[in-house]
Amino acid sequence: MATIVKRIDPATLNLKEQVVAINRVTKVVKGGKNMSFSALVVIGDPQAKVVGYGVGKAKEVPSAIRKGIEAAKKNLRKVNVLETTIAHRALGQYASSQVLLKPAAAGTGVIAGGAVRAVITACGVPNVLTKSIGRRNPHNVVKATIVALESLRDKNTVAEMRGLAIDKL
């Protein structure tokens, strides 16, 4: 099911960025080793409930982070969340990483680790329980978390899909 993502203009948002992972990579060539850096960056606007991720590669770390932020701005998505938590349980899968998101009562906070926490706080969900299942590769965990957040539906969409009035749900 390929959903068409509507482009979100990053200029209108108050984006906060967070570096999730920086990896030093080496390419072995005839003349020796070429060192480079890869940076995974998550950006989001907690007020607008928008989140995105990007990967940047460069010879120096600051350049890689800058490139990652630019890539993330082209990859922004709107997330359907309630005021304090998510509407329902969601499981996101990407490669062999799975991320389970569960609604939580007010005051619980974000119970998440590493890459999942970066995505959840960037999109502005104050109370949620999470569990990372399978591989913990940060790139795949970030993508699985975004898949789970995209699978969240609001009441209007569910009512429309089922062909019912909202009060019947």
N, C-alpha and C. Protein backbone atom coordinates (compact mmCIF):
# COMPACT_ATOMS: atom_id res chain seq x y z
N MET A 1 0.85 -1.18 0.00
CA MET A 1 0.00 0.00 0.00
C MET A 1 0.89 1.24 0.00
N ALA A 2 1.07 1.81 -1.14
CA ALA A 2 1.90 3.01 -1.27
C ALA A 2 1.02 4.25 -1.09
N THR A 3 1.26 4.96 0.02
CA THR A 3 0.49 6.18 0.26
C THR A 3 1.25 7.37 -0.29
N ILE A 4 0.52 8.30 -0.85
CA ILE A 4 1.14 9.51 -1.40
C ILE A 4 1.29 10.51 -0.26
N VAL A 5 2.53 10.90 0.01
CA VAL A 5 2.82 11.83 1.10
C VAL A 5 2.81 13.25 0.53
N LYS A 6 1.97 14.11 1.15
CA LYS A 6 1.90 15.50 0.72
C LYS A 6 3.12 16.25 1.24
N ARG A 7 3.77 17.03 0.40
CA ARG A 7 4.97 17.77 0.77
C ARG A 7 4.62 18.83 1.81
N ILE A 8 5.39 18.87 2.89
CA ILE A 8 5.19 19.86 3.95
C ILE A 8 6.32 20.88 3.85
N ASP A 9 5.97 22.17 3.86
CA ASP A 9 6.97 23.22 3.72
C ASP A 9 7.70 23.43 5.05
N PRO A 10 9.03 23.16 5.09
CA PRO A 10 9.76 23.29 6.35
C PRO A 10 9.95 24.73 6.80
N ALA A 11 9.77 25.71 5.91
CA ALA A 11 9.98 27.11 6.28
C ALA A 11 8.92 27.61 7.27
N THR A 12 7.72 27.02 7.23
CA THR A 12 6.63 27.47 8.09
C THR A 12 6.68 26.84 9.48
N LEU A 13 7.59 25.89 9.70
CA LEU A 13 7.62 25.14 10.96
C LEU A 13 8.78 25.56 11.85
N ASN A 14 8.63 25.29 13.15
CA ASN A 14 9.68 25.54 14.12
C ASN A 14 10.37 24.19 14.38
N LEU A 15 11.32 23.83 13.52
CA LEU A 15 11.91 22.49 13.55
C LEU A 15 13.03 22.38 14.59
N LYS A 16 13.00 21.27 15.32
CA LYS A 16 14.07 20.92 16.25
C LYS A 16 14.76 19.69 15.68
N GLU A 17 16.11 19.71 15.65
CA GLU A 17 16.80 18.55 15.10
C GLU A 17 17.54 17.80 16.19
N GLN A 18 17.68 16.49 16.00
CA GLN A 18 18.42 15.66 16.94
C GLN A 18 19.21 14.62 16.15
N VAL A 19 20.51 14.53 16.45
CA VAL A 19 21.35 13.55 15.79
C VAL A 19 21.18 12.22 16.51
N VAL A 20 20.79 11.19 15.78
CA VAL A 20 20.54 9.88 16.37
C VAL A 20 21.80 9.03 16.34
N ALA A 21 22.49 9.01 15.20
CA ALA A 21 23.69 8.17 15.09
C ALA A 21 24.70 8.81 14.14
N ILE A 22 25.96 8.69 14.53
CA ILE A 22 27.05 9.11 13.65
C ILE A 22 27.95 7.89 13.47
N ASN A 23 28.27 7.57 12.23
CA ASN A 23 29.04 6.38 11.93
C ASN A 23 30.26 6.77 11.09
N ARG A 24 31.43 6.32 11.50
CA ARG A 24 32.63 6.56 10.70
C ARG A 24 32.76 5.39 9.73
N VAL A 25 32.80 5.71 8.46
CA VAL A 25 32.91 4.67 7.44
C VAL A 25 34.21 4.85 6.69
N THR A 26 34.75 3.74 6.22
CA THR A 26 36.03 3.75 5.53
C THR A 26 35.90 3.02 4.21
N LYS A 27 36.38 3.65 3.16
CA LYS A 27 36.42 3.01 1.85
C LYS A 27 37.88 2.70 1.56
N VAL A 28 38.16 1.43 1.32
CA VAL A 28 39.53 1.03 1.05
C VAL A 28 39.78 1.11 -0.46
N VAL A 29 40.75 1.92 -0.85
CA VAL A 29 41.11 2.09 -2.25
C VAL A 29 42.59 1.75 -2.42
N LYS A 30 43.06 1.80 -3.67
CA LYS A 30 44.44 1.42 -3.96
C LYS A 30 45.44 2.26 -3.16
N GLY A 31 45.14 3.54 -3.01
CA GLY A 31 46.07 4.44 -2.32
C GLY A 31 45.96 4.41 -0.81
N GLY A 32 45.05 3.66 -0.23
CA GLY A 32 44.90 3.61 1.23
C GLY A 32 43.44 3.61 1.61
N LYS A 33 43.12 4.27 2.74
CA LYS A 33 41.75 4.28 3.24
C LYS A 33 41.17 5.68 3.17
N ASN A 34 39.98 5.80 2.63
CA ASN A 34 39.27 7.08 2.60
C ASN A 34 38.25 7.09 3.72
N MET A 35 38.44 7.97 4.71
CA MET A 35 37.52 8.05 5.85
C MET A 35 36.40 9.03 5.55
N SER A 36 35.21 8.71 6.03
CA SER A 36 34.05 9.56 5.83
C SER A 36 33.11 9.36 7.01
N PHE A 37 32.12 10.23 7.15
CA PHE A 37 31.16 10.13 8.25
C PHE A 37 29.74 10.10 7.71
N SER A 38 28.92 9.29 8.35
CA SER A 38 27.50 9.18 8.01
C SER A 38 26.71 9.60 9.25
N ALA A 39 25.72 10.48 9.08
CA ALA A 39 24.93 10.97 10.21
C ALA A 39 23.44 10.74 9.95
N LEU A 40 22.77 10.14 10.94
CA LEU A 40 21.32 9.95 10.90
C LEU A 40 20.69 11.02 11.78
N VAL A 41 19.83 11.86 11.18
CA VAL A 41 19.25 13.00 11.88
C VAL A 41 17.73 12.92 11.83
N VAL A 42 17.09 13.20 12.98
CA VAL A 42 15.62 13.27 13.05
C VAL A 42 15.25 14.71 13.36
N ILE A 43 14.31 15.27 12.58
CA ILE A 43 13.83 16.62 12.86
C ILE A 43 12.31 16.58 13.01
N GLY A 44 11.78 17.54 13.76
CA GLY A 44 10.33 17.58 13.93
C GLY A 44 9.88 18.87 14.59
N ASP A 45 8.59 19.12 14.46
CA ASP A 45 7.94 20.25 15.12
C ASP A 45 6.88 19.69 16.06
N PRO A 46 7.14 19.70 17.39
CA PRO A 46 6.19 19.11 18.33
C PRO A 46 4.81 19.78 18.31
N GLN A 47 4.74 21.10 18.02
CA GLN A 47 3.44 21.78 17.99
C GLN A 47 2.62 21.35 16.77
N ALA A 48 3.26 21.21 15.63
CA ALA A 48 2.56 20.87 14.39
C ALA A 48 2.42 19.38 14.19
N LYS A 49 3.03 18.55 15.08
CA LYS A 49 2.99 17.09 14.98
C LYS A 49 3.56 16.62 13.64
N VAL A 50 4.74 17.13 13.30
CA VAL A 50 5.41 16.80 12.05
C VAL A 50 6.78 16.21 12.38
N VAL A 51 7.17 15.15 11.65
CA VAL A 51 8.46 14.51 11.90
C VAL A 51 9.07 14.05 10.58
N GLY A 52 10.41 13.99 10.54
CA GLY A 52 11.11 13.50 9.36
C GLY A 52 12.51 13.06 9.74
N TYR A 53 13.12 12.25 8.87
CA TYR A 53 14.48 11.80 9.12
C TYR A 53 15.30 11.93 7.85
N GLY A 54 16.62 12.00 8.01
CA GLY A 54 17.50 12.10 6.86
C GLY A 54 18.88 11.58 7.18
N VAL A 55 19.59 11.15 6.15
CA VAL A 55 20.95 10.66 6.30
C VAL A 55 21.86 11.55 5.47
N GLY A 56 22.97 11.97 6.09
CA GLY A 56 23.95 12.78 5.39
C GLY A 56 25.31 12.14 5.47
N LYS A 57 26.08 12.23 4.40
CA LYS A 57 27.43 11.66 4.37
C LYS A 57 28.41 12.73 3.91
N ALA A 58 29.53 12.85 4.62
CA ALA A 58 30.54 13.84 4.25
C ALA A 58 31.87 13.48 4.89
N LYS A 59 32.91 14.23 4.52
CA LYS A 59 34.26 13.99 5.07
C LYS A 59 34.37 14.43 6.53
N GLU A 60 33.56 15.44 6.94
CA GLU A 60 33.58 15.91 8.33
C GLU A 60 32.20 15.75 8.94
N VAL A 61 32.17 15.61 10.28
CA VAL A 61 30.91 15.38 11.00
C VAL A 61 29.92 16.54 10.85
N PRO A 62 30.31 17.82 11.04
CA PRO A 62 29.33 18.90 10.91
C PRO A 62 28.68 18.97 9.53
N SER A 63 29.47 18.70 8.49
CA SER A 63 28.92 18.70 7.13
C SER A 63 27.92 17.56 6.95
N ALA A 64 28.23 16.40 7.52
CA ALA A 64 27.33 15.25 7.42
C ALA A 64 26.01 15.54 8.13
N ILE A 65 26.09 16.19 9.30
CA ILE A 65 24.88 16.54 10.05
C ILE A 65 24.05 17.56 9.26
N ARG A 66 24.71 18.56 8.68
CA ARG A 66 24.01 19.57 7.89
C ARG A 66 23.29 18.92 6.71
N LYS A 67 23.97 18.00 6.02
CA LYS A 67 23.36 17.29 4.89
C LYS A 67 22.18 16.43 5.35
N GLY A 68 22.32 15.81 6.53
CA GLY A 68 21.23 15.00 7.09
C GLY A 68 20.00 15.84 7.39
N ILE A 69 20.21 17.05 7.90
CA ILE A 69 19.09 17.96 8.20
C ILE A 69 18.39 18.37 6.92
N GLU A 70 19.17 18.69 5.88
CA GLU A 70 18.58 19.06 4.59
C GLU A 70 17.76 17.91 4.01
N ALA A 71 18.28 16.68 4.12
CA ALA A 71 17.55 15.50 3.62
C ALA A 71 16.28 15.28 4.43
N ALA A 72 16.34 15.52 5.74
CA ALA A 72 15.18 15.32 6.60
C ALA A 72 14.07 16.34 6.29
N LYS A 73 14.46 17.57 5.92
CA LYS A 73 13.47 18.59 5.59
C LYS A 73 12.66 18.22 4.35
N LYS A 74 13.24 17.40 3.47
CA LYS A 74 12.53 16.95 2.28
C LYS A 74 11.66 15.73 2.56
N ASN A 75 11.72 15.23 3.80
CA ASN A 75 11.09 13.96 4.14
C ASN A 75 10.14 14.12 5.34
N LEU A 76 9.46 15.26 5.44
CA LEU A 76 8.59 15.52 6.59
C LEU A 76 7.22 14.87 6.43
N ARG A 77 6.66 14.40 7.56
CA ARG A 77 5.35 13.75 7.55
C ARG A 77 4.51 14.25 8.72
N LYS A 78 3.21 14.35 8.50
CA LYS A 78 2.26 14.73 9.55
C LYS A 78 1.82 13.46 10.27
N VAL A 79 1.68 13.54 11.60
CA VAL A 79 1.31 12.38 12.41
C VAL A 79 -0.02 12.67 13.11
N ASN A 80 -0.94 11.70 13.08
CA ASN A 80 -2.23 11.84 13.77
C ASN A 80 -2.08 11.39 15.21
N VAL A 81 -2.07 12.35 16.14
CA VAL A 81 -2.00 12.01 17.56
C VAL A 81 -3.06 12.80 18.33
N LEU A 82 -3.39 12.31 19.52
CA LEU A 82 -4.32 13.02 20.39
C LEU A 82 -3.53 14.09 21.15
N GLU A 83 -4.20 14.77 22.12
CA GLU A 83 -3.52 15.84 22.86
C GLU A 83 -2.36 15.29 23.69
N THR A 84 -2.60 14.16 24.39
CA THR A 84 -1.59 13.68 25.33
C THR A 84 -0.93 12.37 24.92
N THR A 85 -1.53 11.60 24.01
CA THR A 85 -0.96 10.31 23.65
C THR A 85 -1.39 9.94 22.22
N ILE A 86 -1.14 8.70 21.84
CA ILE A 86 -1.57 8.23 20.52
C ILE A 86 -2.96 7.59 20.64
N ALA A 87 -3.67 7.47 19.53
CA ALA A 87 -5.06 7.00 19.55
C ALA A 87 -5.18 5.51 19.83
N HIS A 88 -4.25 4.72 19.30
CA HIS A 88 -4.35 3.26 19.46
C HIS A 88 -2.97 2.64 19.33
N ARG A 89 -2.90 1.34 19.61
CA ARG A 89 -1.66 0.60 19.51
C ARG A 89 -1.21 0.52 18.06
N ALA A 90 0.08 0.58 17.81
CA ALA A 90 0.59 0.51 16.44
C ALA A 90 1.91 -0.25 16.42
N LEU A 91 2.07 -1.09 15.41
CA LEU A 91 3.32 -1.83 15.22
C LEU A 91 3.90 -1.44 13.87
N GLY A 92 5.11 -0.92 13.89
CA GLY A 92 5.78 -0.53 12.65
C GLY A 92 6.91 -1.48 12.34
N GLN A 93 7.04 -1.88 11.08
CA GLN A 93 8.10 -2.79 10.67
C GLN A 93 8.90 -2.17 9.55
N TYR A 94 10.21 -2.30 9.65
CA TYR A 94 11.08 -1.94 8.55
C TYR A 94 12.26 -2.89 8.61
N ALA A 95 12.50 -3.63 7.54
CA ALA A 95 13.53 -4.68 7.50
C ALA A 95 13.27 -5.63 8.66
N SER A 96 14.27 -5.91 9.49
CA SER A 96 14.05 -6.84 10.61
C SER A 96 13.86 -6.11 11.93
N SER A 97 13.59 -4.80 11.87
CA SER A 97 13.30 -4.03 13.08
C SER A 97 11.81 -3.81 13.20
N GLN A 98 11.31 -3.95 14.42
CA GLN A 98 9.90 -3.68 14.71
C GLN A 98 9.83 -2.74 15.89
N VAL A 99 8.86 -1.83 15.85
CA VAL A 99 8.64 -0.90 16.96
C VAL A 99 7.16 -0.93 17.32
N LEU A 100 6.86 -1.23 18.58
CA LEU A 100 5.50 -1.26 19.09
C LEU A 100 5.25 0.02 19.88
N LEU A 101 4.18 0.74 19.53
CA LEU A 101 3.79 1.96 20.23
C LEU A 101 2.46 1.70 20.92
N LYS A 102 2.37 2.06 22.21
CA LYS A 102 1.13 1.87 22.96
C LYS A 102 0.73 3.18 23.62
N PRO A 103 -0.58 3.48 23.65
CA PRO A 103 -1.03 4.69 24.34
C PRO A 103 -0.72 4.61 25.84
N ALA A 104 -0.50 5.76 26.46
CA ALA A 104 -0.20 5.81 27.89
C ALA A 104 -1.02 6.91 28.54
N ALA A 105 -1.29 6.74 29.84
CA ALA A 105 -2.05 7.73 30.61
C ALA A 105 -1.23 9.01 30.77
N ALA A 106 -1.92 10.11 31.01
CA ALA A 106 -1.25 11.40 31.21
C ALA A 106 -0.30 11.30 32.39
N GLY A 107 0.90 11.87 32.25
CA GLY A 107 1.89 11.84 33.32
C GLY A 107 2.89 10.70 33.20
N THR A 108 2.67 9.79 32.25
CA THR A 108 3.58 8.66 32.08
C THR A 108 4.91 9.10 31.47
N GLY A 109 4.85 9.98 30.50
CA GLY A 109 6.05 10.42 29.81
C GLY A 109 6.36 9.52 28.63
N VAL A 110 7.50 9.74 28.01
CA VAL A 110 7.92 8.94 26.86
C VAL A 110 8.81 7.81 27.39
N ILE A 111 8.28 6.58 27.35
CA ILE A 111 9.06 5.42 27.77
C ILE A 111 9.61 4.81 26.48
N ALA A 112 10.81 5.24 26.13
CA ALA A 112 11.43 4.77 24.89
C ALA A 112 12.94 4.95 25.01
N GLY A 113 13.66 4.24 24.18
CA GLY A 113 15.10 4.35 24.22
C GLY A 113 15.67 4.74 22.88
N GLY A 114 16.78 5.45 22.91
CA GLY A 114 17.58 5.71 21.73
C GLY A 114 16.84 6.33 20.57
N ALA A 115 16.85 5.60 19.46
CA ALA A 115 16.31 6.11 18.20
C ALA A 115 14.80 6.33 18.28
N VAL A 116 14.07 5.47 18.99
CA VAL A 116 12.61 5.61 19.10
C VAL A 116 12.29 6.89 19.87
N ARG A 117 13.01 7.16 20.95
CA ARG A 117 12.78 8.37 21.75
C ARG A 117 12.98 9.63 20.91
N ALA A 118 14.01 9.64 20.07
CA ALA A 118 14.28 10.81 19.23
C ALA A 118 13.10 11.11 18.32
N VAL A 119 12.53 10.08 17.69
CA VAL A 119 11.41 10.27 16.77
C VAL A 119 10.15 10.70 17.53
N ILE A 120 9.85 10.05 18.66
CA ILE A 120 8.63 10.34 19.42
C ILE A 120 8.67 11.77 19.97
N THR A 121 9.81 12.19 20.53
CA THR A 121 9.89 13.55 21.08
C THR A 121 9.88 14.59 19.96
N ALA A 122 10.46 14.25 18.80
CA ALA A 122 10.47 15.20 17.68
C ALA A 122 9.06 15.46 17.16
N CYS A 123 8.19 14.45 17.19
CA CYS A 123 6.83 14.67 16.68
C CYS A 123 5.88 15.14 17.79
N GLY A 124 6.34 15.22 19.03
CA GLY A 124 5.58 15.87 20.09
C GLY A 124 4.51 15.03 20.75
N VAL A 125 4.76 13.74 20.98
CA VAL A 125 3.82 12.91 21.73
C VAL A 125 4.32 12.88 23.18
N PRO A 126 3.56 13.45 24.14
CA PRO A 126 4.08 13.54 25.50
C PRO A 126 4.04 12.24 26.31
N ASN A 127 3.05 11.36 26.05
CA ASN A 127 2.90 10.13 26.82
C ASN A 127 2.73 8.94 25.89
N VAL A 128 3.70 8.03 25.91
CA VAL A 128 3.61 6.84 25.06
C VAL A 128 4.55 5.76 25.61
N LEU A 129 4.13 4.51 25.46
CA LEU A 129 4.97 3.37 25.82
C LEU A 129 5.47 2.74 24.52
N THR A 130 6.74 2.35 24.48
CA THR A 130 7.27 1.77 23.25
C THR A 130 8.08 0.52 23.58
N LYS A 131 8.20 -0.34 22.58
CA LYS A 131 9.07 -1.51 22.70
C LYS A 131 9.71 -1.75 21.35
N SER A 132 11.03 -1.84 21.34
CA SER A 132 11.76 -2.14 20.12
C SER A 132 11.99 -3.64 20.06
N ILE A 133 11.52 -4.27 18.98
CA ILE A 133 11.58 -5.72 18.83
C ILE A 133 12.46 -6.04 17.63
N GLY A 134 13.25 -7.08 17.73
CA GLY A 134 14.10 -7.47 16.61
C GLY A 134 15.40 -6.70 16.63
N ARG A 135 15.91 -6.38 15.47
CA ARG A 135 17.20 -5.71 15.37
C ARG A 135 17.11 -4.27 15.86
N ARG A 136 18.19 -3.79 16.47
CA ARG A 136 18.22 -2.44 17.05
C ARG A 136 19.03 -1.46 16.20
N ASN A 137 19.26 -1.77 14.92
CA ASN A 137 19.98 -0.88 14.03
C ASN A 137 19.27 0.48 13.99
N PRO A 138 19.94 1.58 14.36
CA PRO A 138 19.25 2.87 14.48
C PRO A 138 18.53 3.32 13.21
N HIS A 139 19.12 3.08 12.04
CA HIS A 139 18.49 3.48 10.79
C HIS A 139 17.15 2.78 10.61
N ASN A 140 17.13 1.47 10.81
CA ASN A 140 15.90 0.71 10.63
C ASN A 140 14.89 0.97 11.74
N VAL A 141 15.37 1.23 12.97
CA VAL A 141 14.45 1.53 14.08
C VAL A 141 13.75 2.86 13.84
N VAL A 142 14.47 3.87 13.35
CA VAL A 142 13.86 5.17 13.04
C VAL A 142 12.79 4.99 11.97
N LYS A 143 13.12 4.24 10.92
CA LYS A 143 12.16 4.02 9.83
C LYS A 143 10.95 3.23 10.30
N ALA A 144 11.15 2.22 11.17
CA ALA A 144 10.03 1.43 11.70
C ALA A 144 9.14 2.29 12.59
N THR A 145 9.72 3.20 13.37
CA THR A 145 8.94 4.10 14.23
C THR A 145 8.09 5.03 13.38
N ILE A 146 8.63 5.54 12.29
CA ILE A 146 7.87 6.44 11.41
C ILE A 146 6.76 5.66 10.71
N VAL A 147 7.01 4.40 10.34
CA VAL A 147 5.96 3.55 9.75
C VAL A 147 4.82 3.37 10.76
N ALA A 148 5.17 3.13 12.04
CA ALA A 148 4.15 2.95 13.08
C ALA A 148 3.36 4.25 13.28
N LEU A 149 4.03 5.40 13.31
CA LEU A 149 3.34 6.68 13.49
C LEU A 149 2.44 6.99 12.30
N GLU A 150 2.87 6.61 11.09
CA GLU A 150 2.04 6.85 9.90
C GLU A 150 0.80 5.97 9.89
N SER A 151 0.87 4.81 10.56
CA SER A 151 -0.28 3.89 10.57
C SER A 151 -1.37 4.34 11.55
N LEU A 152 -1.08 5.36 12.36
CA LEU A 152 -2.10 5.87 13.29
C LEU A 152 -3.21 6.58 12.51
N ARG A 153 -4.45 6.29 12.87
CA ARG A 153 -5.60 6.88 12.19
C ARG A 153 -6.43 7.67 13.20
N ASP A 154 -7.02 8.79 12.76
CA ASP A 154 -7.92 9.52 13.64
C ASP A 154 -9.34 8.99 13.46
N LYS A 155 -10.23 9.40 14.36
CA LYS A 155 -11.61 8.88 14.35
C LYS A 155 -12.33 9.15 13.04
N ASN A 156 -12.12 10.32 12.45
CA ASN A 156 -12.81 10.67 11.20
C ASN A 156 -12.44 9.71 10.08
N THR A 157 -11.15 9.38 9.97
CA THR A 157 -10.69 8.48 8.91
C THR A 157 -11.27 7.08 9.10
N VAL A 158 -11.27 6.59 10.34
CA VAL A 158 -11.79 5.25 10.63
C VAL A 158 -13.29 5.20 10.34
N ALA A 159 -14.02 6.22 10.75
CA ALA A 159 -15.46 6.27 10.49
C ALA A 159 -15.74 6.29 8.99
N GLU A 160 -14.94 7.05 8.25
CA GLU A 160 -15.12 7.14 6.80
C GLU A 160 -14.83 5.79 6.13
N MET A 161 -13.77 5.11 6.60
CA MET A 161 -13.42 3.80 6.02
C MET A 161 -14.51 2.77 6.28
N ARG A 162 -15.10 2.80 7.47
CA ARG A 162 -16.14 1.83 7.82
C ARG A 162 -17.52 2.24 7.34
N GLY A 163 -17.65 3.47 6.89
CA GLY A 163 -18.94 3.94 6.41
C GLY A 163 -19.94 4.19 7.53
N LEU A 164 -19.44 4.60 8.69
CA LEU A 164 -20.29 4.86 9.85
C LEU A 164 -20.22 6.32 10.26
N ALA A 165 -21.17 6.72 11.09
CA ALA A 165 -21.11 8.06 11.68
C ALA A 165 -20.08 7.99 12.83
N ILE A 166 -19.48 9.15 13.18
CA ILE A 166 -18.44 9.18 14.20
C ILE A 166 -18.97 8.73 15.56
N ASP A 167 -20.23 9.06 15.88
CA ASP A 167 -20.78 8.68 17.19
C ASP A 167 -21.05 7.18 17.30
N LYS A 168 -21.04 6.44 16.18
CA LYS A 168 -21.30 5.00 16.21
C LYS A 168 -20.04 4.20 16.55
N LEU A 169 -18.86 4.83 16.47
CA LEU A 169 -17.61 4.10 16.72
C LEU A 169 -17.47 3.68 18.16
